[in-house]
Amino acid sequence: MSGGKIVGHTRGGEEWTPQFVVALDQSTCIGCGRCYKVCPRNVFELVERGSVENLDDDDDFYDDDDEMMVMSISNEMDCIGCMSCSKVCPKNCHSHQEAA
């Protein structure tokens, strides 16, 4: 640790500051599963979006039986800060921060 921050080093000796996942915007997530597949620590899980509650009752676009599946952060504390999830996400759903 350097100055209270978590700092890693590459194999070549360069400093690297991990950026840990802190949020995932389910309103833009398409449930493609790319972040789930690339995450080395099983930080994510597939869940029902629950987007029906965000739509008007008279909106016939979604049927209650056609619930969309999206990603959710299930184990935030297991994130290693590699940001692989953001690198593969086509919708930029993930937010990251350095650990203080």
PDB file of N, CA and C in Angstrom:
ATOM      1  N   MET A   1       0.850  -1.182   0.000  1.00  0.00           N
ATOM      2  CA  MET A   1       0.000   0.000   0.000  1.00  0.00           C
ATOM      3  C   MET A   1       0.886   1.232   0.000  1.00  0.00           C
ATOM      4  N   SER A   2       0.409   2.227  -0.697  1.00  0.00           N
ATOM      5  CA  SER A   2       1.178   3.455  -0.820  1.00  0.00           C
ATOM      6  C   SER A   2       0.253   4.636  -0.546  1.00  0.00           C
ATOM      7  N   GLY A   3       0.487   5.391   0.530  1.00  0.00           N
ATOM      8  CA  GLY A   3      -0.335   6.554   0.840  1.00  0.00           C
ATOM      9  C   GLY A   3      -1.788   6.225   1.123  1.00  0.00           C
ATOM     10  N   GLY A   4      -2.089   5.052   1.665  1.00  0.00           N
ATOM     11  CA  GLY A   4      -3.454   4.683   1.990  1.00  0.00           C
ATOM     12  C   GLY A   4      -4.224   4.064   0.839  1.00  0.00           C
ATOM     13  N   LYS A   5      -3.673   4.076  -0.367  1.00  0.00           N
ATOM     14  CA  LYS A   5      -4.331   3.483  -1.519  1.00  0.00           C
ATOM     15  C   LYS A   5      -3.784   2.090  -1.771  1.00  0.00           C
ATOM     16  N   ILE A   6      -4.611   1.269  -2.386  1.00  0.00           N
ATOM     17  CA  ILE A   6      -4.143  -0.039  -2.813  1.00  0.00           C
ATOM     18  C   ILE A   6      -3.422   0.153  -4.140  1.00  0.00           C
ATOM     19  N   VAL A   7      -2.207  -0.324  -4.217  1.00  0.00           N
ATOM     20  CA  VAL A   7      -1.415  -0.213  -5.430  1.00  0.00           C
ATOM     21  C   VAL A   7      -0.815  -1.574  -5.738  1.00  0.00           C
ATOM     22  N   GLY A   8      -0.957  -1.987  -6.984  1.00  0.00           N
ATOM     23  CA  GLY A   8      -0.357  -3.241  -7.421  1.00  0.00           C
ATOM     24  C   GLY A   8       0.820  -2.944  -8.329  1.00  0.00           C
ATOM     25  N   HIS A   9       1.480  -3.976  -8.724  1.00  0.00           N
ATOM     26  CA  HIS A   9       2.610  -3.825  -9.641  1.00  0.00           C
ATOM     27  C   HIS A   9       2.477  -4.842 -10.770  1.00  0.00           C
ATOM     28  N   THR A  10       2.771  -4.389 -11.980  1.00  0.00           N
ATOM     29  CA  THR A  10       2.772  -5.303 -13.107  1.00  0.00           C
ATOM     30  C   THR A  10       4.011  -6.176 -13.026  1.00  0.00           C
ATOM     31  N   ARG A  11       4.073  -7.174 -13.849  1.00  0.00           N
ATOM     32  CA  ARG A  11       5.252  -8.032 -13.871  1.00  0.00           C
ATOM     33  C   ARG A  11       6.501  -7.226 -14.221  1.00  0.00           C
ATOM     34  N   GLY A  12       6.331  -6.170 -14.996  1.00  0.00           N
ATOM     35  CA  GLY A  12       7.445  -5.298 -15.366  1.00  0.00           C
ATOM     36  C   GLY A  12       7.812  -4.291 -14.290  1.00  0.00           C
ATOM     37  N   GLY A  13       7.064  -4.296 -13.175  1.00  0.00           N
ATOM     38  CA  GLY A  13       7.386  -3.420 -12.060  1.00  0.00           C
ATOM     39  C   GLY A  13       6.659  -2.086 -12.037  1.00  0.00           C
ATOM     40  N   GLU A  14       5.806  -1.825 -13.032  1.00  0.00           N
ATOM     41  CA  GLU A  14       5.069  -0.559 -13.047  1.00  0.00           C
ATOM     42  C   GLU A  14       3.920  -0.609 -12.053  1.00  0.00           C
ATOM     43  N   GLU A  15       3.653   0.538 -11.407  1.00  0.00           N
ATOM     44  CA  GLU A  15       2.535   0.623 -10.462  1.00  0.00           C
ATOM     45  C   GLU A  15       1.214   0.605 -11.210  1.00  0.00           C
ATOM     46  N   TRP A  16       0.223  -0.009 -10.580  1.00  0.00           N
ATOM     47  CA  TRP A  16      -1.116  -0.113 -11.136  1.00  0.00           C
ATOM     48  C   TRP A  16      -2.109   0.036  -9.994  1.00  0.00           C
ATOM     49  N   THR A  17      -3.097   0.907 -10.160  1.00  0.00           N
ATOM     50  CA  THR A  17      -4.105   1.139  -9.125  1.00  0.00           C
ATOM     51  C   THR A  17      -5.406   0.451  -9.530  1.00  0.00           C
ATOM     52  N   PRO A  18      -5.838  -0.554  -8.771  1.00  0.00           N
ATOM     53  CA  PRO A  18      -7.083  -1.250  -9.096  1.00  0.00           C
ATOM     54  C   PRO A  18      -8.295  -0.330  -8.963  1.00  0.00           C
ATOM     55  N   GLN A  19      -9.267  -0.540  -9.814  1.00  0.00           N
ATOM     56  CA  GLN A  19     -10.534   0.181  -9.783  1.00  0.00           C
ATOM     57  C   GLN A  19     -11.619  -0.853  -9.518  1.00  0.00           C
ATOM     58  N   PHE A  20     -12.211  -0.815  -8.338  1.00  0.00           N
ATOM     59  CA  PHE A  20     -13.175  -1.822  -7.897  1.00  0.00           C
ATOM     60  C   PHE A  20     -14.601  -1.475  -8.338  1.00  0.00           C
ATOM     61  N   VAL A  21     -15.365  -2.483  -8.741  1.00  0.00           N
ATOM     62  CA  VAL A  21     -16.743  -2.257  -9.158  1.00  0.00           C
ATOM     63  C   VAL A  21     -17.569  -1.822  -7.948  1.00  0.00           C
ATOM     64  N   VAL A  22     -18.341  -0.752  -8.121  1.00  0.00           N
ATOM     65  CA  VAL A  22     -19.181  -0.238  -7.030  1.00  0.00           C
ATOM     66  C   VAL A  22     -20.654  -0.174  -7.420  1.00  0.00           C
ATOM     67  N   ALA A  23     -20.942  -0.247  -8.723  1.00  0.00           N
ATOM     68  CA  ALA A  23     -22.333  -0.179  -9.169  1.00  0.00           C
ATOM     69  C   ALA A  23     -22.474  -0.798 -10.552  1.00  0.00           C
ATOM     70  N   LEU A  24     -23.695  -1.234 -10.841  1.00  0.00           N
ATOM     71  CA  LEU A  24     -24.033  -1.780 -12.150  1.00  0.00           C
ATOM     72  C   LEU A  24     -25.411  -1.243 -12.505  1.00  0.00           C
ATOM     73  N   ASP A  25     -25.516  -0.531 -13.611  1.00  0.00           N
ATOM     74  CA  ASP A  25     -26.776   0.089 -14.028  1.00  0.00           C
ATOM     75  C   ASP A  25     -27.646  -0.950 -14.740  1.00  0.00           C
ATOM     76  N   GLN A  26     -28.607  -1.512 -14.016  1.00  0.00           N
ATOM     77  CA  GLN A  26     -29.471  -2.543 -14.585  1.00  0.00           C
ATOM     78  C   GLN A  26     -30.445  -1.978 -15.618  1.00  0.00           C
ATOM     79  N   SER A  27     -30.655  -0.677 -15.617  1.00  0.00           N
ATOM     80  CA  SER A  27     -31.575  -0.101 -16.599  1.00  0.00           C
ATOM     81  C   SER A  27     -30.973  -0.097 -18.000  1.00  0.00           C
ATOM     82  N   THR A  28     -29.652  -0.177 -18.109  1.00  0.00           N
ATOM     83  CA  THR A  28     -29.010  -0.234 -19.424  1.00  0.00           C
ATOM     84  C   THR A  28     -28.442  -1.615 -19.742  1.00  0.00           C
ATOM     85  N   CYS A  29     -28.358  -2.482 -18.745  1.00  0.00           N
ATOM     86  CA  CYS A  29     -27.821  -3.830 -18.937  1.00  0.00           C
ATOM     87  C   CYS A  29     -28.730  -4.627 -19.871  1.00  0.00           C
ATOM     88  N   ILE A  30     -28.125  -5.365 -20.811  1.00  0.00           N
ATOM     89  CA  ILE A  30     -28.892  -6.194 -21.737  1.00  0.00           C
ATOM     90  C   ILE A  30     -28.809  -7.679 -21.382  1.00  0.00           C
ATOM     91  N   GLY A  31     -28.131  -7.997 -20.285  1.00  0.00           N
ATOM     92  CA  GLY A  31     -28.049  -9.379 -19.828  1.00  0.00           C
ATOM     93  C   GLY A  31     -27.222 -10.285 -20.716  1.00  0.00           C
ATOM     94  N   CYS A  32     -26.233  -9.728 -21.408  1.00  0.00           N
ATOM     95  CA  CYS A  32     -25.432 -10.528 -22.342  1.00  0.00           C
ATOM     96  C   CYS A  32     -24.515 -11.521 -21.625  1.00  0.00           C
ATOM     97  N   GLY A  33     -24.170 -11.250 -20.370  1.00  0.00           N
ATOM     98  CA  GLY A  33     -23.349 -12.164 -19.588  1.00  0.00           C
ATOM     99  C   GLY A  33     -21.856 -12.044 -19.807  1.00  0.00           C
ATOM    100  N   ARG A  34     -21.425 -11.073 -20.595  1.00  0.00           N
ATOM    101  CA  ARG A  34     -19.993 -10.930 -20.859  1.00  0.00           C
ATOM    102  C   ARG A  34     -19.205 -10.640 -19.587  1.00  0.00           C
ATOM    103  N   CYS A  35     -19.732  -9.773 -18.729  1.00  0.00           N
ATOM    104  CA  CYS A  35     -19.030  -9.444 -17.482  1.00  0.00           C
ATOM    105  C   CYS A  35     -18.948 -10.675 -16.582  1.00  0.00           C
ATOM    106  N   TYR A  36     -20.023 -11.455 -16.555  1.00  0.00           N
ATOM    107  CA  TYR A  36     -20.048 -12.676 -15.745  1.00  0.00           C
ATOM    108  C   TYR A  36     -18.975 -13.658 -16.220  1.00  0.00           C
ATOM    109  N   LYS A  37     -18.869 -13.813 -17.530  1.00  0.00           N
ATOM    110  CA  LYS A  37     -17.931 -14.772 -18.101  1.00  0.00           C
ATOM    111  C   LYS A  37     -16.475 -14.360 -17.902  1.00  0.00           C
ATOM    112  N   VAL A  38     -16.193 -13.063 -17.935  1.00  0.00           N
ATOM    113  CA  VAL A  38     -14.803 -12.608 -17.856  1.00  0.00           C
ATOM    114  C   VAL A  38     -14.330 -12.387 -16.416  1.00  0.00           C
ATOM    115  N   CYS A  39     -15.239 -12.273 -15.475  1.00  0.00           N
ATOM    116  CA  CYS A  39     -14.866 -11.999 -14.083  1.00  0.00           C
ATOM    117  C   CYS A  39     -14.174 -13.213 -13.458  1.00  0.00           C
ATOM    118  N   PRO A  40     -12.949 -13.029 -12.961  1.00  0.00           N
ATOM    119  CA  PRO A  40     -12.234 -14.159 -12.366  1.00  0.00           C
ATOM    120  C   PRO A  40     -12.677 -14.483 -10.936  1.00  0.00           C
ATOM    121  N   ARG A  41     -13.555 -13.677 -10.353  1.00  0.00           N
ATOM    122  CA  ARG A  41     -13.908 -13.854  -8.945  1.00  0.00           C
ATOM    123  C   ARG A  41     -15.400 -14.062  -8.692  1.00  0.00           C
ATOM    124  N   ASN A  42     -16.198 -14.294  -9.715  1.00  0.00           N
ATOM    125  CA  ASN A  42     -17.642 -14.529  -9.548  1.00  0.00           C
ATOM    126  C   ASN A  42     -18.337 -13.407  -8.781  1.00  0.00           C
ATOM    127  N   VAL A  43     -18.093 -12.179  -9.193  1.00  0.00           N
ATOM    128  CA  VAL A  43     -18.677 -11.003  -8.541  1.00  0.00           C
ATOM    129  C   VAL A  43     -20.128 -10.795  -8.975  1.00  0.00           C
ATOM    130  N   PHE A  44     -20.515 -11.314 -10.142  1.00  0.00           N
ATOM    131  CA  PHE A  44     -21.837 -11.034 -10.716  1.00  0.00           C
ATOM    132  C   PHE A  44     -22.743 -12.260 -10.717  1.00  0.00           C
ATOM    133  N   GLU A  45     -24.058 -11.980 -10.809  1.00  0.00           N
ATOM    134  CA  GLU A  45     -25.040 -13.043 -10.976  1.00  0.00           C
ATOM    135  C   GLU A  45     -26.163 -12.528 -11.865  1.00  0.00           C
ATOM    136  N   LEU A  46     -26.838 -13.436 -12.550  1.00  0.00           N
ATOM    137  CA  LEU A  46     -27.951 -13.111 -13.420  1.00  0.00           C
ATOM    138  C   LEU A  46     -29.233 -13.100 -12.599  1.00  0.00           C
ATOM    139  N   VAL A  47     -30.000 -12.009 -12.701  1.00  0.00           N
ATOM    140  CA  VAL A  47     -31.248 -11.863 -11.947  1.00  0.00           C
ATOM    141  C   VAL A  47     -32.326 -11.282 -12.858  1.00  0.00           C
ATOM    142  N   GLU A  48     -33.567 -11.345 -12.425  1.00  0.00           N
ATOM    143  CA  GLU A  48     -34.641 -10.700 -13.164  1.00  0.00           C
ATOM    144  C   GLU A  48     -34.541  -9.198 -12.953  1.00  0.00           C
ATOM    145  N   ARG A  49     -34.679  -8.446 -14.026  1.00  0.00           N
ATOM    146  CA  ARG A  49     -34.532  -6.989 -13.949  1.00  0.00           C
ATOM    147  C   ARG A  49     -35.590  -6.351 -13.070  1.00  0.00           C
ATOM    148  N   GLY A  50     -36.821  -6.791 -13.178  1.00  0.00           N
ATOM    149  CA  GLY A  50     -37.888  -6.122 -12.440  1.00  0.00           C
ATOM    150  C   GLY A  50     -38.293  -4.844 -13.129  1.00  0.00           C
ATOM    151  N   SER A  51     -38.028  -4.748 -14.434  1.00  0.00           N
ATOM    152  CA  SER A  51     -38.289  -3.509 -15.172  1.00  0.00           C
ATOM    153  C   SER A  51     -39.768  -3.244 -15.370  1.00  0.00           C
ATOM    154  N   VAL A  52     -40.605  -4.248 -15.142  1.00  0.00           N
ATOM    155  CA  VAL A  52     -42.039  -4.039 -15.319  1.00  0.00           C
ATOM    156  C   VAL A  52     -42.524  -2.938 -14.388  1.00  0.00           C
ATOM    157  N   GLU A  53     -41.931  -2.821 -13.203  1.00  0.00           N
ATOM    158  CA  GLU A  53     -42.342  -1.771 -12.266  1.00  0.00           C
ATOM    159  C   GLU A  53     -41.960  -0.386 -12.759  1.00  0.00           C
ATOM    160  N   ASN A  54     -40.990  -0.297 -13.694  1.00  0.00           N
ATOM    161  CA  ASN A  54     -40.578   0.996 -14.226  1.00  0.00           C
ATOM    162  C   ASN A  54     -41.437   1.445 -15.401  1.00  0.00           C
ATOM    163  N   LEU A  55     -42.301   0.572 -15.890  1.00  0.00           N
ATOM    164  CA  LEU A  55     -43.151   0.896 -17.019  1.00  0.00           C
ATOM    165  C   LEU A  55     -44.545   1.255 -16.532  1.00  0.00           C
ATOM    166  N   ASP A  56     -45.266   2.018 -17.373  1.00  0.00           N
ATOM    167  CA  ASP A  56     -46.652   2.341 -17.056  1.00  0.00           C
ATOM    168  C   ASP A  56     -47.484   1.066 -17.096  1.00  0.00           C
ATOM    169  N   ASP A  57     -48.547   1.038 -16.304  1.00  0.00           N
ATOM    170  CA  ASP A  57     -49.398  -0.150 -16.266  1.00  0.00           C
ATOM    171  C   ASP A  57     -50.026  -0.448 -17.621  1.00  0.00           C
ATOM    172  N   ASP A  58     -50.285   0.604 -18.451  1.00  0.00           N
ATOM    173  CA  ASP A  58     -50.913   0.360 -19.740  1.00  0.00           C
ATOM    174  C   ASP A  58     -49.895   0.065 -20.836  1.00  0.00           C
ATOM    175  N   ASP A  59     -48.632  -0.030 -20.525  1.00  0.00           N
ATOM    176  CA  ASP A  59     -47.617  -0.323 -21.533  1.00  0.00           C
ATOM    177  C   ASP A  59     -47.632  -1.822 -21.818  1.00  0.00           C
ATOM    178  N   ASP A  60     -47.995  -2.180 -23.042  1.00  0.00           N
ATOM    179  CA  ASP A  60     -48.103  -3.589 -23.424  1.00  0.00           C
ATOM    180  C   ASP A  60     -46.814  -4.156 -23.982  1.00  0.00           C
ATOM    181  N   PHE A  61     -45.739  -3.391 -23.973  1.00  0.00           N
ATOM    182  CA  PHE A  61     -44.482  -3.849 -24.562  1.00  0.00           C
ATOM    183  C   PHE A  61     -43.954  -5.083 -23.842  1.00  0.00           C
ATOM    184  N   TYR A  62     -44.003  -5.082 -22.511  1.00  0.00           N
ATOM    185  CA  TYR A  62     -43.541  -6.230 -21.741  1.00  0.00           C
ATOM    186  C   TYR A  62     -44.722  -6.956 -21.139  1.00  0.00           C
ATOM    187  N   ASP A  63     -44.667  -8.241 -21.203  1.00  0.00           N
ATOM    188  CA  ASP A  63     -45.649  -9.092 -20.556  1.00  0.00           C
ATOM    189  C   ASP A  63     -45.042  -9.525 -19.220  1.00  0.00           C
ATOM    190  N   ASP A  64     -45.834  -9.701 -18.201  1.00  0.00           N
ATOM    191  CA  ASP A  64     -45.311 -10.112 -16.894  1.00  0.00           C
ATOM    192  C   ASP A  64     -44.528 -11.413 -16.976  1.00  0.00           C
ATOM    193  N   ASP A  65     -44.862 -12.273 -17.940  1.00  0.00           N
ATOM    194  CA  ASP A  65     -44.178 -13.557 -18.080  1.00  0.00           C
ATOM    195  C   ASP A  65     -42.845 -13.432 -18.837  1.00  0.00           C
ATOM    196  N   ASP A  66     -42.603 -12.282 -19.453  1.00  0.00           N
ATOM    197  CA  ASP A  66     -41.402 -12.077 -20.253  1.00  0.00           C
ATOM    198  C   ASP A  66     -40.384 -11.214 -19.509  1.00  0.00           C
ATOM    199  N   GLU A  67     -40.094 -11.561 -18.285  1.00  0.00           N
ATOM    200  CA  GLU A  67     -39.156 -10.785 -17.475  1.00  0.00           C
ATOM    201  C   GLU A  67     -37.747 -10.897 -18.043  1.00  0.00           C
ATOM    202  N   MET A  68     -37.086  -9.778 -18.229  1.00  0.00           N
ATOM    203  CA  MET A  68     -35.733  -9.769 -18.782  1.00  0.00           C
ATOM    204  C   MET A  68     -34.717 -10.068 -17.693  1.00  0.00           C
ATOM    205  N   MET A  69     -33.725 -10.840 -18.041  1.00  0.00           N
ATOM    206  CA  MET A  69     -32.650 -11.174 -17.119  1.00  0.00           C
ATOM    207  C   MET A  69     -31.489 -10.201 -17.330  1.00  0.00           C
ATOM    208  N   VAL A  70     -30.913  -9.704 -16.238  1.00  0.00           N
ATOM    209  CA  VAL A  70     -29.793  -8.768 -16.284  1.00  0.00           C
ATOM    210  C   VAL A  70     -28.778  -9.163 -15.217  1.00  0.00           C
ATOM    211  N   MET A  71     -27.639  -8.541 -15.247  1.00  0.00           N
ATOM    212  CA  MET A  71     -26.598  -8.818 -14.270  1.00  0.00           C
ATOM    213  C   MET A  71     -26.818  -7.990 -13.002  1.00  0.00           C
ATOM    214  N   SER A  72     -26.301  -8.521 -11.920  1.00  0.00           N
ATOM    215  CA  SER A  72     -26.341  -7.849 -10.626  1.00  0.00           C
ATOM    216  C   SER A  72     -25.018  -8.129  -9.929  1.00  0.00           C
ATOM    217  N   ILE A  73     -24.605  -7.208  -9.079  1.00  0.00           N
ATOM    218  CA  ILE A  73     -23.398  -7.433  -8.280  1.00  0.00           C
ATOM    219  C   ILE A  73     -23.801  -8.268  -7.077  1.00  0.00           C
ATOM    220  N   SER A  74     -23.264  -9.476  -6.997  1.00  0.00           N
ATOM    221  CA  SER A  74     -23.636 -10.362  -5.898  1.00  0.00           C
ATOM    222  C   SER A  74     -22.551 -10.455  -4.825  1.00  0.00           C
ATOM    223  N   ASN A  75     -21.309 -10.127  -5.201  1.00  0.00           N
ATOM    224  CA  ASN A  75     -20.212 -10.271  -4.251  1.00  0.00           C
ATOM    225  C   ASN A  75     -19.180  -9.166  -4.471  1.00  0.00           C
ATOM    226  N   GLU A  76     -19.586  -7.935  -4.209  1.00  0.00           N
ATOM    227  CA  GLU A  76     -18.755  -6.751  -4.439  1.00  0.00           C
ATOM    228  C   GLU A  76     -17.398  -6.839  -3.741  1.00  0.00           C
ATOM    229  N   MET A  77     -17.359  -7.432  -2.570  1.00  0.00           N
ATOM    230  CA  MET A  77     -16.118  -7.483  -1.794  1.00  0.00           C
ATOM    231  C   MET A  77     -15.104  -8.480  -2.362  1.00  0.00           C
ATOM    232  N   ASP A  78     -15.518  -9.286  -3.331  1.00  0.00           N
ATOM    233  CA  ASP A  78     -14.594 -10.224  -3.957  1.00  0.00           C
ATOM    234  C   ASP A  78     -13.931  -9.648  -5.202  1.00  0.00           C
ATOM    235  N   CYS A  79     -14.327  -8.435  -5.605  1.00  0.00           N
ATOM    236  CA  CYS A  79     -13.760  -7.778  -6.784  1.00  0.00           C
ATOM    237  C   CYS A  79     -12.272  -7.510  -6.560  1.00  0.00           C
ATOM    238  N   ILE A  80     -11.450  -7.802  -7.583  1.00  0.00           N
ATOM    239  CA  ILE A  80     -10.006  -7.555  -7.478  1.00  0.00           C
ATOM    240  C   ILE A  80      -9.589  -6.277  -8.197  1.00  0.00           C
ATOM    241  N   GLY A  81     -10.538  -5.561  -8.787  1.00  0.00           N
ATOM    242  CA  GLY A  81     -10.236  -4.269  -9.393  1.00  0.00           C
ATOM    243  C   GLY A  81      -9.613  -4.326 -10.772  1.00  0.00           C
ATOM    244  N   CYS A  82      -9.782  -5.417 -11.495  1.00  0.00           N
ATOM    245  CA  CYS A  82      -9.153  -5.562 -12.811  1.00  0.00           C
ATOM    246  C   CYS A  82      -9.893  -4.810 -13.916  1.00  0.00           C
ATOM    247  N   MET A  83     -11.151  -4.472 -13.686  1.00  0.00           N
ATOM    248  CA  MET A  83     -12.014  -3.759 -14.619  1.00  0.00           C
ATOM    249  C   MET A  83     -12.309  -4.541 -15.894  1.00  0.00           C
ATOM    250  N   SER A  84     -12.098  -5.849 -15.881  1.00  0.00           N
ATOM    251  CA  SER A  84     -12.410  -6.662 -17.061  1.00  0.00           C
ATOM    252  C   SER A  84     -13.880  -6.536 -17.439  1.00  0.00           C
ATOM    253  N   CYS A  85     -14.750  -6.421 -16.454  1.00  0.00           N
ATOM    254  CA  CYS A  85     -16.183  -6.317 -16.722  1.00  0.00           C
ATOM    255  C   CYS A  85     -16.504  -5.089 -17.569  1.00  0.00           C
ATOM    256  N   SER A  86     -15.887  -3.969 -17.252  1.00  0.00           N
ATOM    257  CA  SER A  86     -16.123  -2.742 -18.016  1.00  0.00           C
ATOM    258  C   SER A  86     -15.558  -2.835 -19.420  1.00  0.00           C
ATOM    259  N   LYS A  87     -14.465  -3.525 -19.549  1.00  0.00           N
ATOM    260  CA  LYS A  87     -13.812  -3.630 -20.863  1.00  0.00           C
ATOM    261  C   LYS A  87     -14.637  -4.436 -21.859  1.00  0.00           C
ATOM    262  N   VAL A  88     -15.457  -5.370 -21.379  1.00  0.00           N
ATOM    263  CA  VAL A  88     -16.253  -6.198 -22.288  1.00  0.00           C
ATOM    264  C   VAL A  88     -17.716  -5.778 -22.372  1.00  0.00           C
ATOM    265  N   CYS A  89     -18.160  -4.869 -21.533  1.00  0.00           N
ATOM    266  CA  CYS A  89     -19.571  -4.467 -21.497  1.00  0.00           C
ATOM    267  C   CYS A  89     -19.909  -3.551 -22.681  1.00  0.00           C
ATOM    268  N   PRO A  90     -20.855  -3.974 -23.536  1.00  0.00           N
ATOM    269  CA  PRO A  90     -21.212  -3.145 -24.688  1.00  0.00           C
ATOM    270  C   PRO A  90     -22.075  -1.933 -24.326  1.00  0.00           C
ATOM    271  N   LYS A  91     -22.579  -1.882 -23.102  1.00  0.00           N
ATOM    272  CA  LYS A  91     -23.474  -0.793 -22.686  1.00  0.00           C
ATOM    273  C   LYS A  91     -22.891   0.089 -21.582  1.00  0.00           C
ATOM    274  N   ASN A  92     -21.645  -0.136 -21.196  1.00  0.00           N
ATOM    275  CA  ASN A  92     -20.977   0.667 -20.154  1.00  0.00           C
ATOM    276  C   ASN A  92     -21.802   0.737 -18.868  1.00  0.00           C
ATOM    277  N   CYS A  93     -22.211  -0.408 -18.380  1.00  0.00           N
ATOM    278  CA  CYS A  93     -23.092  -0.494 -17.211  1.00  0.00           C
ATOM    279  C   CYS A  93     -22.358  -0.384 -15.871  1.00  0.00           C
ATOM    280  N   HIS A  94     -21.064  -0.597 -15.845  1.00  0.00           N
ATOM    281  CA  HIS A  94     -20.323  -0.721 -14.580  1.00  0.00           C
ATOM    282  C   HIS A  94     -19.680   0.604 -14.171  1.00  0.00           C
ATOM    283  N   SER A  95     -19.691   0.851 -12.869  1.00  0.00           N
ATOM    284  CA  SER A  95     -18.988   2.003 -12.288  1.00  0.00           C
ATOM    285  C   SER A  95     -17.934   1.481 -11.341  1.00  0.00           C
ATOM    286  N   HIS A  96     -16.756   2.101 -11.377  1.00  0.00           N
ATOM    287  CA  HIS A  96     -15.625   1.654 -10.563  1.00  0.00           C
ATOM    288  C   HIS A  96     -15.020   2.813  -9.777  1.00  0.00           C
ATOM    289  N   GLN A  97     -14.352   2.468  -8.674  1.00  0.00           N
ATOM    290  CA  GLN A  97     -13.637   3.450  -7.855  1.00  0.00           C
ATOM    291  C   GLN A  97     -12.394   2.803  -7.275  1.00  0.00           C
ATOM    292  N   GLU A  98     -11.421   3.650  -7.006  1.00  0.00           N
ATOM    293  CA  GLU A  98     -10.253   3.196  -6.256  1.00  0.00           C
ATOM    294  C   GLU A  98     -10.663   2.962  -4.816  1.00  0.00           C
ATOM    295  N   ALA A  99     -10.023   2.039  -4.144  1.00  0.00           N
ATOM    296  CA  ALA A  99     -10.268   1.849  -2.718  1.00  0.00           C
ATOM    297  C   ALA A  99      -9.524   2.936  -1.954  1.00  0.00           C
ATOM    298  N   ALA A 100     -10.169   3.481  -0.960  1.00  0.00           N
ATOM    299  CA  ALA A 100      -9.543   4.549  -0.165  1.00  0.00           C
ATOM    300  C   ALA A 100      -8.699   3.982   0.943  1.00  0.00           C
TER     301      ALA A 100
END
